[in-house]
Protein backbone atom coordinates (compact mmCIF):
# COMPACT_ATOMS: atom_id res chain seq x y z
CA UNK A 1 130.29 -79.59 82.81
CA UNK A 2 129.45 -77.57 86.54
CA UNK A 3 128.11 -74.30 86.21
CA UNK A 4 126.49 -71.87 88.80
CA UNK A 5 122.67 -70.44 88.26
CA UNK A 6 123.49 -67.22 87.61
CA UNK A 7 126.35 -68.11 84.56
CA UNK A 8 123.59 -70.44 83.02
CA UNK A 9 120.93 -67.59 83.03
CA UNK A 10 123.21 -65.15 81.50
CA UNK A 11 124.30 -67.49 78.89
CA UNK A 12 120.74 -68.27 77.97
CA UNK A 13 119.93 -64.67 77.85
CA UNK A 14 122.86 -63.85 75.77
CA UNK A 15 121.19 -66.52 73.33
CA UNK A 16 118.16 -64.99 72.80
CA UNK A 17 116.84 -61.14 71.26
CA UNK A 18 117.93 -59.80 74.55
CA UNK A 19 119.33 -56.50 74.55
CA UNK A 20 118.78 -54.56 78.13
CA UNK A 21 117.70 -56.07 81.14
CA UNK A 22 115.94 -53.62 83.46
CA UNK A 23 115.48 -54.18 87.30
CA UNK A 24 117.28 -53.46 91.14
CA UNK A 25 119.68 -55.91 92.24
CA UNK A 26 119.17 -57.42 95.69
CA UNK A 27 119.67 -60.43 98.52
CA UNK A 28 118.43 -62.29 95.55
CA UNK A 29 119.54 -62.32 92.39
CA UNK A 30 123.41 -60.62 92.59
CA UNK A 31 125.00 -63.33 91.20
CA UNK A 32 123.25 -62.86 87.92
CA UNK A 33 123.47 -59.22 87.88
CA UNK A 34 127.19 -60.16 88.29
CA UNK A 35 126.71 -62.15 85.18
CA UNK A 36 124.69 -59.31 83.16
CA UNK A 37 127.87 -56.79 84.31
CA UNK A 38 130.57 -58.88 82.28
CA UNK A 39 128.01 -59.84 79.39
CA UNK A 40 129.00 -58.96 76.06
CA UNK A 41 125.81 -58.94 74.91
CA UNK A 42 123.50 -57.52 77.64
CA UNK A 43 123.43 -54.41 79.16
CA UNK A 44 121.69 -54.19 82.86
CA UNK A 45 119.81 -51.59 83.74
CA UNK A 46 119.60 -50.34 87.35
CA UNK A 47 115.57 -48.13 87.50
CA UNK A 48 114.44 -46.16 90.14
CA UNK A 49 111.86 -48.31 90.62
CA UNK A 50 110.59 -51.88 89.65
CA UNK A 51 107.25 -50.62 87.73
CA UNK A 52 109.40 -48.25 85.86
CA UNK A 53 111.60 -51.08 84.85
CA UNK A 54 108.18 -53.13 83.54
CA UNK A 55 107.35 -50.47 81.27
CA UNK A 56 110.53 -50.39 79.65
CA UNK A 57 110.80 -53.62 79.30
CA UNK A 58 107.15 -52.93 77.32
CA UNK A 59 108.75 -50.64 75.24
CA UNK A 60 111.40 -52.38 74.30
CA UNK A 61 108.79 -55.25 73.16
CA UNK A 62 106.39 -52.73 71.21
CA UNK A 63 109.45 -50.97 69.73
CA UNK A 64 111.34 -53.59 68.38
CA UNK A 65 111.95 -57.30 67.65
CA UNK A 66 113.44 -57.61 70.85
CA UNK A 67 112.05 -58.82 74.11
CA UNK A 68 111.95 -56.11 77.37
CA UNK A 69 113.21 -58.08 79.88
CA UNK A 70 113.04 -57.64 83.86
CA UNK A 71 115.42 -59.21 86.17
CA UNK A 72 113.96 -58.09 90.20
CA UNK A 73 114.40 -59.62 93.79
CA UNK A 74 111.80 -61.55 94.95
CA UNK A 75 108.16 -60.73 96.43
CA UNK A 76 108.72 -57.11 96.50
CA UNK A 77 110.35 -56.39 92.88
CA UNK A 78 107.88 -58.62 91.99
CA UNK A 79 104.92 -56.39 93.36
CA UNK A 80 106.37 -53.33 92.48
CA UNK A 81 106.91 -54.77 89.18
CA UNK A 82 102.87 -56.09 88.53
CA UNK A 83 101.21 -52.77 87.04
CA UNK A 84 103.90 -53.23 84.05
CA UNK A 85 103.33 -56.75 83.61
CA UNK A 86 99.39 -56.27 83.78
CA UNK A 87 99.74 -53.99 81.47
CA UNK A 88 101.95 -55.91 78.92
CA UNK A 89 99.42 -58.82 79.66
CA UNK A 90 95.84 -57.31 78.83
CA UNK A 91 97.90 -55.41 76.13
CA UNK A 92 99.37 -58.79 74.63
CA UNK A 93 103.03 -57.68 74.69
CA UNK A 94 105.56 -60.13 75.07
CA UNK A 95 107.71 -59.29 78.59
CA UNK A 96 110.27 -62.36 80.02
CA UNK A 97 110.78 -61.49 83.94
CA UNK A 98 113.42 -63.48 85.93
CA UNK A 99 113.74 -63.27 89.60
CA UNK A 100 115.25 -64.67 92.69
CA UNK A 101 114.34 -67.08 94.92
CA UNK A 102 114.57 -68.17 98.40
CA UNK A 103 117.49 -70.09 99.46
CA UNK A 104 115.83 -73.97 98.34
CA UNK A 105 118.53 -75.94 100.50
CA UNK A 106 118.61 -74.09 103.60
CA UNK A 107 116.04 -75.97 105.50
CA UNK A 108 114.44 -72.84 106.74
CA UNK A 109 110.95 -71.23 106.93
CA UNK A 110 110.40 -67.35 107.26
CA UNK A 111 112.97 -66.26 105.16
CA UNK A 112 113.77 -62.83 103.32
CA UNK A 113 110.93 -62.29 100.34
CA UNK A 114 109.56 -66.10 100.98
CA UNK A 115 106.49 -66.06 99.15
CA UNK A 116 104.44 -68.19 96.65
CA UNK A 117 105.04 -65.90 93.50
CA UNK A 118 103.75 -68.27 91.30
CA UNK A 119 99.97 -68.51 92.43
CA UNK A 120 100.08 -64.68 92.98
CA UNK A 121 101.35 -64.01 88.94
CA UNK A 122 99.51 -66.52 87.55
CA UNK A 123 96.75 -64.72 86.54
CA UNK A 124 98.63 -62.37 84.35
CA UNK A 125 101.49 -64.21 82.99
CA UNK A 126 100.79 -66.77 80.48
CA UNK A 127 103.27 -69.39 82.46
CA UNK A 128 105.66 -69.36 85.33
CA UNK A 129 108.57 -71.57 85.98
CA UNK A 130 110.40 -72.84 89.10
CA UNK A 131 114.04 -73.89 88.80
CA UNK A 132 115.00 -76.81 90.67
CA UNK A 133 118.32 -77.74 88.99
CA UNK A 134 120.84 -76.65 87.56
CA UNK A 135 119.91 -77.91 83.90
CA UNK A 136 116.54 -76.80 83.60
CA UNK A 137 117.33 -72.96 83.61
CA UNK A 138 118.88 -72.52 79.73
CA UNK A 139 116.06 -75.25 78.62
CA UNK A 140 113.16 -73.26 80.55
CA UNK A 141 114.41 -69.76 79.61
CA UNK A 142 114.16 -70.75 75.72
CA UNK A 143 110.88 -72.29 76.62
CA UNK A 144 109.61 -69.65 78.13
CA UNK A 145 111.10 -67.18 75.49
CA UNK A 146 108.65 -69.17 72.95
CA UNK A 147 105.60 -68.75 74.64
CA UNK A 148 105.60 -65.20 75.67
CA UNK A 149 106.27 -64.27 71.82
CA UNK A 150 103.38 -67.26 70.26
CA UNK A 151 100.52 -67.33 69.99
CA UNK A 152 98.61 -63.55 71.82
CA UNK A 153 101.88 -62.80 73.53
CA UNK A 154 102.65 -61.63 76.46
CA UNK A 155 104.73 -62.22 79.72
CA UNK A 156 105.90 -65.26 81.42
CA UNK A 157 108.22 -65.80 84.19
CA UNK A 158 110.84 -67.42 86.11
CA UNK A 159 112.53 -67.88 89.59
CA UNK A 160 116.05 -69.53 90.27
CA UNK A 161 116.51 -69.88 93.73
CA UNK A 162 119.42 -68.43 94.87
CA UNK A 163 121.04 -71.35 96.17
CA UNK A 164 121.13 -72.45 92.25
CA UNK A 165 122.44 -68.90 91.33
CA UNK A 166 125.58 -69.05 93.15
CA UNK A 167 126.42 -72.47 93.57
CA UNK A 168 128.16 -74.67 90.76
CA UNK A 169 125.95 -77.74 89.46
CA UNK A 170 126.38 -80.74 86.64
CA UNK A 171 125.21 -79.73 83.11
CA UNK A 172 125.38 -82.01 80.34
CA UNK A 173 125.40 -79.51 77.75
CA UNK A 174 124.95 -76.05 76.65
CA UNK A 175 122.31 -75.71 73.92
CA UNK A 176 121.76 -73.18 71.28
CA UNK A 177 118.70 -71.62 70.74
CA UNK A 178 116.82 -72.16 67.59
CA UNK A 179 113.24 -70.40 67.62
CA UNK A 180 110.86 -70.31 63.89
CA UNK A 181 107.42 -68.80 64.47
CA UNK A 182 104.81 -70.94 63.45
CA UNK A 183 103.03 -70.09 60.44
CA UNK A 184 100.32 -71.68 60.23
CA UNK A 185 97.67 -71.00 57.30
CA UNK A 186 94.01 -70.09 58.25
CA UNK A 187 90.89 -72.20 57.05
CA UNK A 188 90.46 -72.13 53.61
CA UNK A 189 86.90 -72.79 53.58
CA UNK A 190 86.56 -69.08 56.01
CA UNK A 191 88.79 -67.26 53.63
CA UNK A 192 86.05 -68.13 51.06
CA UNK A 193 83.19 -66.51 52.82
CA UNK A 194 85.35 -63.79 54.12
CA UNK A 195 85.94 -62.98 50.43
CA UNK A 196 82.46 -63.68 49.43
CA UNK A 197 81.22 -61.36 51.96
CA UNK A 198 83.77 -58.75 50.89
CA UNK A 199 83.05 -59.48 46.98
CA UNK A 200 79.18 -58.97 47.86
CA UNK A 201 79.17 -55.61 49.98
CA UNK A 202 78.39 -52.35 48.78
CA UNK A 203 80.23 -50.01 51.64
CA UNK A 204 82.80 -52.61 52.88
CA UNK A 205 85.01 -51.28 56.13
CA UNK A 206 88.28 -52.30 57.98
CA UNK A 207 88.54 -52.08 61.31
CA UNK A 208 92.20 -53.11 62.84
CA UNK A 209 94.31 -53.49 65.82
CA UNK A 210 97.53 -54.09 67.13
CA UNK A 211 97.56 -57.34 65.75
CA UNK A 212 98.46 -55.95 62.72
CA UNK A 213 101.31 -54.33 63.75
CA UNK A 214 103.61 -56.20 61.25
CA UNK A 215 101.18 -56.20 58.37
CA UNK A 216 101.18 -52.41 57.34
CA UNK A 217 101.64 -53.16 53.40
CA UNK A 218 98.93 -55.96 53.34
CA UNK A 219 96.27 -53.77 55.11
CA UNK A 220 96.99 -50.24 52.73
CA UNK A 221 96.45 -53.03 49.71
CA UNK A 222 93.63 -54.44 50.87
CA UNK A 223 92.29 -51.12 51.69
CA UNK A 224 92.71 -49.54 48.32
CA UNK A 225 91.40 -52.75 46.69
CA UNK A 226 88.21 -52.95 48.23
CA UNK A 227 88.63 -48.57 48.05
CA UNK A 228 87.35 -49.48 52.23
CA UNK A 229 87.57 -46.81 54.80
CA UNK A 230 90.28 -47.67 57.50
CA UNK A 231 89.79 -46.99 61.07
CA UNK A 232 92.11 -48.31 64.20
CA UNK A 233 91.63 -48.93 68.01
CA UNK A 234 94.16 -47.24 70.36
CA UNK A 235 96.63 -49.63 70.59
CA UNK A 236 96.64 -49.79 66.91
CA UNK A 237 96.89 -46.91 66.05
CA UNK A 238 99.99 -47.30 64.20
CA UNK A 239 99.30 -49.63 61.72
CA UNK A 240 97.75 -48.09 58.97
CA UNK A 241 99.08 -44.83 57.67
CA UNK A 242 97.25 -41.69 58.86
CA UNK A 243 98.79 -39.65 56.10
CA UNK A 244 96.43 -42.23 53.55
CA UNK A 245 93.57 -41.10 52.34
CA UNK A 246 91.48 -43.84 53.44
CA UNK A 247 92.58 -43.52 57.09
CA UNK A 248 90.00 -42.52 58.96
CA UNK A 249 90.84 -42.14 62.32
CA UNK A 250 90.64 -44.38 66.06
CA UNK A 251 87.16 -46.50 66.11
CA UNK A 252 84.05 -45.57 64.29
CA UNK A 253 80.77 -44.74 65.95
CA UNK A 254 79.44 -41.76 68.30
CA UNK A 255 82.13 -41.35 69.89
CA UNK A 256 84.58 -41.29 66.68
CA UNK A 257 86.81 -38.28 64.66
CA UNK A 258 84.04 -37.39 62.31
CA UNK A 259 86.03 -38.61 59.09
CA UNK A 260 85.60 -42.09 60.39
CA UNK A 261 81.73 -41.94 61.87
CA UNK A 262 80.87 -41.17 58.29
CA UNK A 263 82.99 -43.00 56.25
CA UNK A 264 81.65 -46.41 58.29
CA UNK A 265 78.21 -44.85 58.19
CA UNK A 266 76.14 -47.50 55.37
CA UNK A 267 78.96 -49.84 56.03
CA UNK A 268 77.63 -53.32 55.37
CA UNK A 269 80.77 -55.50 55.98
CA UNK A 270 83.00 -55.11 58.47
CA UNK A 271 86.64 -57.20 58.38
CA UNK A 272 88.13 -56.47 61.93
CA UNK A 273 91.53 -57.88 62.22
CA UNK A 274 93.93 -58.26 65.41
CA UNK A 275 91.22 -56.29 67.28
CA UNK A 276 89.22 -57.20 70.58
CA UNK A 277 86.25 -54.79 70.96
CA UNK A 278 87.06 -53.19 73.57
CA UNK A 279 86.01 -50.41 75.26
CA UNK A 280 88.06 -47.73 74.82
CA UNK A 281 88.13 -48.30 70.47
CA UNK A 282 84.44 -48.91 71.06
CA UNK A 283 83.93 -45.73 72.80
CA UNK A 284 82.49 -47.62 75.25
CA UNK A 285 80.90 -50.26 73.45
CA UNK A 286 78.78 -47.95 71.44
CA UNK A 287 79.34 -48.88 67.95
CA UNK A 288 77.10 -50.91 65.99
CA UNK A 289 78.71 -53.33 63.57
CA UNK A 290 76.71 -55.02 60.59
CA UNK A 291 75.49 -58.07 60.72
CA UNK A 292 78.34 -59.37 58.16
CA UNK A 293 81.19 -59.05 60.47
CA UNK A 294 84.47 -60.78 59.76
CA UNK A 295 86.57 -61.40 63.07
CA UNK A 296 89.78 -62.28 62.70
CA UNK A 297 92.42 -62.77 65.10
CA UNK A 298 95.10 -64.83 66.64
CA UNK A 299 93.21 -65.61 70.29
CA UNK A 300 90.07 -67.26 69.32
CA UNK A 301 88.96 -66.39 73.33
CA UNK A 302 87.70 -63.23 71.77
CA UNK A 303 85.21 -64.04 69.23
CA UNK A 304 81.84 -63.34 69.77
CA UNK A 305 82.87 -61.57 73.39
CA UNK A 306 81.15 -58.32 72.14
CA UNK A 307 79.65 -58.72 68.98
CA UNK A 308 78.90 -61.77 67.06
CA UNK A 309 80.56 -62.15 63.69
CA UNK A 310 79.46 -63.71 61.03
CA UNK A 311 82.53 -65.19 60.33
CA UNK A 312 85.35 -65.57 62.80
CA UNK A 313 88.49 -66.79 61.44
CA UNK A 314 91.32 -67.48 63.84
CA UNK A 315 94.82 -66.89 62.96
CA UNK A 316 98.31 -64.85 62.63
CA UNK A 317 96.81 -61.00 60.95
CA UNK A 318 100.01 -61.20 58.44
CA UNK A 319 99.03 -64.74 57.19
CA UNK A 320 94.54 -64.47 57.08
CA UNK A 321 95.04 -60.58 55.18
CA UNK A 322 97.57 -62.70 52.69
CA UNK A 323 95.16 -65.04 52.09
CA UNK A 324 92.27 -63.00 52.04
CA UNK A 325 94.01 -60.56 48.91
CA UNK A 326 95.05 -63.81 47.06
CA UNK A 327 91.55 -65.08 46.81
CA UNK A 328 90.28 -61.62 45.96
CA UNK A 329 92.74 -61.55 43.25
CA UNK A 330 92.31 -65.02 41.96
CA UNK A 331 87.94 -63.97 42.37
CA UNK A 332 88.71 -61.00 39.33
CA UNK A 333 86.78 -58.81 42.27
CA UNK A 334 86.78 -54.88 41.14
CA UNK A 335 85.00 -52.54 43.94
CA UNK A 336 82.78 -50.78 42.78
CA UNK A 337 83.34 -47.71 44.58
CA UNK A 338 84.71 -44.07 42.98
CA UNK A 339 87.79 -43.61 44.50
CA UNK A 340 87.42 -39.98 44.50
CA UNK A 341 84.15 -40.03 46.57
CA UNK A 342 85.57 -41.74 49.83
CA UNK A 343 88.39 -39.97 50.15
CA UNK A 344 87.53 -36.57 48.96
CA UNK A 345 84.60 -36.88 51.96
CA UNK A 346 87.47 -38.29 54.50
CA UNK A 347 89.84 -35.55 53.60
CA UNK A 348 86.98 -32.59 54.36
CA UNK A 349 86.35 -34.62 57.47
CA UNK A 350 89.49 -34.43 58.76
CA UNK A 351 90.48 -30.86 57.96
CA UNK A 352 86.99 -29.43 59.16
CA UNK A 353 87.59 -31.22 62.35
CA UNK A 354 91.08 -29.89 62.92
CA UNK A 355 90.08 -26.34 61.85
CA UNK A 356 87.02 -26.60 64.54
CA UNK A 357 90.15 -27.48 67.12
CA UNK A 358 91.95 -24.55 65.75
CA UNK A 359 89.25 -21.84 65.74
CA UNK A 360 89.15 -23.04 69.55
CA UNK A 361 90.22 -19.77 71.88
CA UNK A 362 91.97 -19.58 74.92
CA UNK A 363 94.92 -18.43 77.21
CA UNK A 364 96.77 -21.64 77.07
CA UNK A 365 98.07 -24.16 74.48
CA UNK A 366 95.71 -24.89 71.96
CA UNK A 367 95.79 -29.08 71.20
CA UNK A 368 95.74 -29.05 67.80
CA UNK A 369 98.38 -26.49 67.49
CA UNK A 370 100.76 -27.79 69.45
CA UNK A 371 100.06 -31.40 67.74
CA UNK A 372 100.15 -30.12 64.63
CA UNK A 373 103.79 -28.66 64.72
CA UNK A 374 105.23 -31.84 67.06
CA UNK A 375 104.24 -33.65 63.99
CA UNK A 376 105.53 -31.04 61.72
CA UNK A 377 109.24 -31.40 63.99
CA UNK A 378 109.29 -35.09 63.79
CA UNK A 379 110.39 -37.52 61.53
CA UNK A 380 108.14 -40.06 60.69
CA UNK A 381 110.17 -42.66 61.91
CA UNK A 382 110.09 -40.80 65.57
CA UNK A 383 108.68 -42.47 68.29
CA UNK A 384 105.50 -41.51 70.26
CA UNK A 385 104.78 -42.71 73.36
CA UNK A 386 101.90 -41.46 75.48
CA UNK A 387 100.19 -41.76 78.78
CA UNK A 388 96.76 -42.68 80.35
CA UNK A 389 95.00 -39.47 80.70
CA UNK A 390 92.78 -36.90 78.67
CA UNK A 391 96.17 -36.41 76.06
CA UNK A 392 96.62 -39.70 75.24
CA UNK A 393 92.80 -39.45 73.63
CA UNK A 394 93.75 -35.66 71.85
CA UNK A 395 97.01 -37.20 70.58
CA UNK A 396 94.41 -40.40 68.82
CA UNK A 397 92.00 -37.33 67.10
CA UNK A 398 94.81 -34.69 66.16
CA UNK A 399 98.20 -36.78 65.69
CA UNK A 400 98.79 -38.47 62.95
CA UNK A 401 100.64 -41.40 63.16
CA UNK A 402 102.32 -42.70 60.00
CA UNK A 403 104.64 -45.11 60.39
CA UNK A 404 104.30 -49.05 62.90
CA UNK A 405 105.21 -49.38 65.97
CA UNK A 406 105.95 -45.68 65.82
CA UNK A 407 103.22 -44.96 68.90
CA UNK A 408 102.80 -46.74 72.14
CA UNK A 409 100.36 -46.24 74.67
CA UNK A 410 98.91 -48.53 77.53
CA UNK A 411 95.26 -49.34 76.47
CA UNK A 412 93.15 -52.46 78.58
CA UNK A 413 95.14 -52.68 81.81
CA UNK A 414 95.29 -48.47 81.46
CA UNK A 415 97.90 -47.81 83.88
CA UNK A 416 99.07 -44.24 84.33
CA UNK A 417 102.89 -43.83 84.48
CA UNK A 418 103.56 -45.21 81.74
CA UNK A 419 104.70 -42.59 79.72
CA UNK A 420 108.10 -41.96 81.23
CA UNK A 421 110.30 -45.09 81.55
CA UNK A 422 108.11 -46.86 78.29
CA UNK A 423 109.95 -43.71 76.64
CA UNK A 424 113.53 -44.89 78.08
CA UNK A 425 112.65 -48.34 77.36
CA UNK A 426 111.77 -47.19 73.19
CA UNK A 427 114.96 -45.05 72.66
CA UNK A 428 117.82 -48.40 74.23
CA UNK A 429 115.72 -49.97 72.04
CA UNK A 430 115.72 -47.29 68.81
CA UNK A 431 118.84 -45.33 69.71
CA UNK A 432 119.00 -43.58 66.36
CA UNK A 433 115.45 -42.63 66.30
CA UNK A 434 113.76 -39.38 68.14
CA UNK A 435 111.54 -40.45 70.94
CA UNK A 436 108.96 -38.04 72.41
CA UNK A 437 106.73 -39.02 75.23
CA UNK A 438 103.79 -36.61 75.72
CA UNK A 439 101.65 -37.20 79.21
CA UNK A 440 99.53 -35.47 81.89
CA UNK A 441 101.04 -33.96 84.81
CA UNK A 442 98.90 -36.65 87.36
CA UNK A 443 100.88 -39.61 85.05
CA UNK A 444 103.82 -37.44 85.07
CA UNK A 445 103.99 -37.85 88.86
CA UNK A 446 103.90 -41.23 89.01
CA UNK A 447 106.94 -42.16 87.54
CA UNK A 448 109.03 -39.02 86.88
CA UNK A 449 111.96 -40.02 88.88
CA UNK A 450 112.94 -42.46 85.48
CA UNK A 451 114.32 -39.47 84.36
CA UNK A 452 116.61 -40.00 86.18
CA UNK A 453 117.57 -43.23 84.57
CA UNK A 454 117.41 -41.19 80.89
CA UNK A 455 120.17 -38.67 82.83
CA UNK A 456 122.18 -41.68 83.43
CA UNK A 457 122.15 -43.62 80.27
CA UNK A 458 122.68 -40.40 78.49
CA UNK A 459 119.21 -40.61 76.55
CA UNK A 460 117.71 -37.92 75.07
CA UNK A 461 114.53 -38.45 75.37
CA UNK A 462 111.46 -35.17 75.65
CA UNK A 463 109.03 -35.01 77.32
CA UNK A 464 106.32 -32.58 77.20
CA UNK A 465 103.84 -32.88 79.98
CA UNK A 466 100.38 -31.67 79.74
CA UNK A 467 99.64 -29.37 82.96
CA UNK A 468 96.48 -28.23 83.90
CA UNK A 469 96.55 -29.28 87.47
CA UNK A 470 94.17 -31.76 87.65
CA UNK A 471 93.26 -35.69 86.72
CA UNK A 472 91.60 -33.80 83.95
CA UNK A 473 90.32 -37.22 82.20
CA UNK A 474 88.45 -37.93 85.15
CA UNK A 475 87.58 -34.53 86.26
CA UNK A 476 85.89 -33.85 83.16
CA UNK A 477 84.01 -36.92 83.95
CA UNK A 478 83.28 -35.78 87.03
CA UNK A 479 82.40 -33.21 86.14
CA UNK A 480 79.35 -33.61 83.21
CA UNK A 481 77.45 -35.77 85.26
CA UNK A 482 78.54 -35.03 89.21
CA UNK A 483 79.17 -30.83 88.69
CA UNK A 484 81.90 -31.99 91.14
CA UNK A 485 85.45 -32.55 91.12
CA UNK A 486 86.60 -34.77 94.12
CA UNK A 487 90.30 -36.44 94.53
CA UNK A 488 91.05 -35.30 90.83
CA UNK A 489 92.46 -31.73 91.64
CA UNK A 490 96.42 -31.90 91.79
CA UNK A 491 99.04 -29.78 94.43
CA UNK A 492 101.06 -27.28 93.00
CA UNK A 493 102.87 -29.43 90.54
CA UNK A 494 106.77 -27.60 89.74
CA UNK A 495 108.43 -30.07 87.17
CA UNK A 496 111.25 -27.47 86.76
CA UNK A 497 112.12 -29.18 90.10
CA UNK A 498 112.02 -32.88 88.90
CA UNK A 499 114.34 -31.79 85.56
CA UNK A 500 116.79 -30.51 88.45
CA UNK A 501 116.44 -33.54 90.40
CA UNK A 502 116.69 -35.93 87.41
CA UNK A 503 119.56 -34.05 85.46
CA UNK A 504 117.02 -33.25 82.55
CA UNK A 505 116.49 -29.95 80.94
CA UNK A 506 113.81 -27.84 81.69
CA UNK A 507 111.31 -25.72 79.43
CA UNK A 508 108.08 -23.95 79.72
CA UNK A 509 105.61 -23.63 76.94
CA UNK A 510 102.27 -20.92 77.88
CA UNK A 511 100.99 -19.86 74.36
CA UNK A 512 100.84 -21.11 70.97
CA UNK A 513 103.23 -18.53 69.44
CA UNK A 514 106.45 -20.12 70.97
CA UNK A 515 104.87 -23.73 70.12
CA UNK A 516 107.93 -23.60 67.45
CA UNK A 517 110.70 -22.26 68.85
CA UNK A 518 110.07 -24.60 71.86
CA UNK A 519 109.63 -28.00 70.72
CA UNK A 520 112.64 -27.15 68.84
CA UNK A 521 115.18 -25.96 71.58
CA UNK A 522 113.79 -29.27 73.18
CA UNK A 523 114.97 -31.30 70.45
CA UNK A 524 118.40 -29.40 69.80
CA UNK A 525 119.33 -30.01 73.56
CA UNK A 526 117.95 -33.81 73.26
CA UNK A 527 120.84 -33.89 70.48
CA UNK A 528 123.52 -33.99 73.30
CA UNK A 529 122.05 -36.92 74.81
CA UNK A 530 120.44 -35.03 77.70
CA UNK A 531 116.47 -35.94 78.88
CA UNK A 532 113.70 -33.04 78.24
CA UNK A 533 110.69 -31.48 80.30
CA UNK A 534 109.03 -29.34 78.58
CA UNK A 535 106.30 -27.90 81.10
CA UNK A 536 103.09 -27.28 78.85
CA UNK A 537 99.79 -24.97 79.78
CA UNK A 538 97.62 -27.37 77.97
CA UNK A 539 94.26 -26.33 77.41
CA UNK A 540 91.61 -29.28 78.15
CA UNK A 541 89.11 -27.34 77.99
CA UNK A 542 87.78 -29.00 74.70
CA UNK A 543 86.48 -31.90 74.96
CA UNK A 544 87.62 -35.01 73.00
CA UNK A 545 85.30 -37.09 70.57
CA UNK A 546 85.67 -39.88 73.17
CA UNK A 547 85.10 -38.22 76.10
CA UNK A 548 81.63 -36.92 74.67
CA UNK A 549 80.46 -39.74 73.20
CA UNK A 550 81.42 -42.07 76.01
CA UNK A 551 79.64 -40.51 78.15
CA UNK A 552 76.33 -40.46 76.06
CA UNK A 553 76.75 -43.62 74.76
CA UNK A 554 76.87 -44.77 78.47
CA UNK A 555 74.05 -42.74 79.97
CA UNK A 556 71.45 -44.65 76.99
CA UNK A 557 72.42 -47.52 78.67
CA UNK A 558 71.29 -46.78 82.65
CA UNK A 559 67.14 -47.45 83.36
CA UNK A 560 64.94 -44.20 82.56
CA UNK A 561 64.57 -43.33 86.31
CA UNK A 562 68.25 -43.65 87.26
CA UNK A 563 68.85 -42.28 84.05
CA UNK A 564 66.29 -39.03 84.98
CA UNK A 565 67.88 -39.35 88.47
CA UNK A 566 71.63 -38.53 87.20
CA UNK A 567 70.58 -35.46 84.81
CA UNK A 568 68.90 -33.67 87.60
CA UNK A 569 71.65 -34.37 89.65
CA UNK A 570 73.76 -32.32 87.11
CA UNK A 571 71.54 -29.93 86.42
CA UNK A 572 70.77 -28.93 90.06
CA UNK A 573 73.97 -28.83 90.89
CA UNK A 574 74.46 -26.29 87.82
CA UNK A 575 72.61 -24.06 90.17
CA UNK A 576 73.32 -24.89 93.62
CA UNK A 577 77.11 -25.44 93.04
């Protein structure tokens, strides 16, 4: 049979768990868009910038079982999308990227968008493909999906030249998609080692990350079996329910909240699952894991990079956790810890920390009171999307997340501009759920025009813009050592103008007394299918534990002479300005 490349591309995508594509049509992909236009399964979404489209795709993948998919023009479309592709690559998020390509039959050079995309993308994708024949399209798209979701997930890229899209070519058969996730059991001897270490420990602990996103039940069962405190990474903040009495918070060192820091003091065996011990959750690598460290990850390249593991287990988190639980049961293990002691201490430490925040007074909105009201108003299956900034760590410390995949954040690539579009993607993937964005004013400026996409699609996403007029995470980092704020003070931001330009509703929140009422107004408006911008005059004057702890950790590593110079300069500038 003869089919155009564009028809074959759409056919293949329809076989996959793809609900939407994101991008902008152009000279070398309009044939694919024409096919998507008549698809009964896939909805193409026009974005205002391909970078926003990539973040939307990321939001789809993080909050659903569908894969976020881009259809972009080559070269400029790809470079615009790079931030979102890079975020997905470093955070382990599956993404399928399809671009057009130059006419390979023309025999001419210097065509529009002519450029080696594959060389450029090789460092931030798991694999790239260049289609050369029509019969390659369907199997290549199927293979790309398998690569994207297998092992540690990540983005993949396929270029389909415009001549192959437009013209018909011979195809022997139309394949149907089949995929079964590999289920390789972990090495039994390593499970035995891990169980022996956990059983012998007096104060075991669990440190868990995004790799456990589909294993919350097993994590709860294991934590209760061991009577062990549980801390998470930032990206994995949702994988263990925050309302469980063994949940402590993000991280476990001097940059963690008191409940976590105190619960992990004296930890003599740490089971770390689905985490890479990256910079954020370790407070700039300021944690001190015990000698008996059991590290579990699907990617063996993460082992022993930052902290040495006594036992390293390569494997899927769900399979490894199940094997450990089963082995503990067979061993007849019974924890020696008293249930009430640890749980009571965690509860008291959490309450004391929140009370400390609530006691902080200012003329603006107290973050603790805001997140308390938001948690009260948001159902457990509501999705919170944050960006990169001070608000990120406020949310991590002050907002309890009760359900896995219901908190998403840029993490290792740490890219500002994530929240606005990622929330659009999350809402498209979860239309029945309430989706909330909390974003700093600086990050808001980067991608705020994607709210137009939400308006066009009648998506009632609520965006709370934490507005203080600064790039506060950076300005606080500058203020402590430099007593200066260089290039971190923003211009006169007027979010109401963005609301007018994008068709969003607009509310202001400037004091604590109006928090609950304003949140409810925003929710009521969003229920009618209109996005909402809430301008929150936030009080950032009290610093998070992460900010204070990380600064101290970094300073400790300085050579003595340099440490003295930095401290001396900061003290001098306090007096001289």
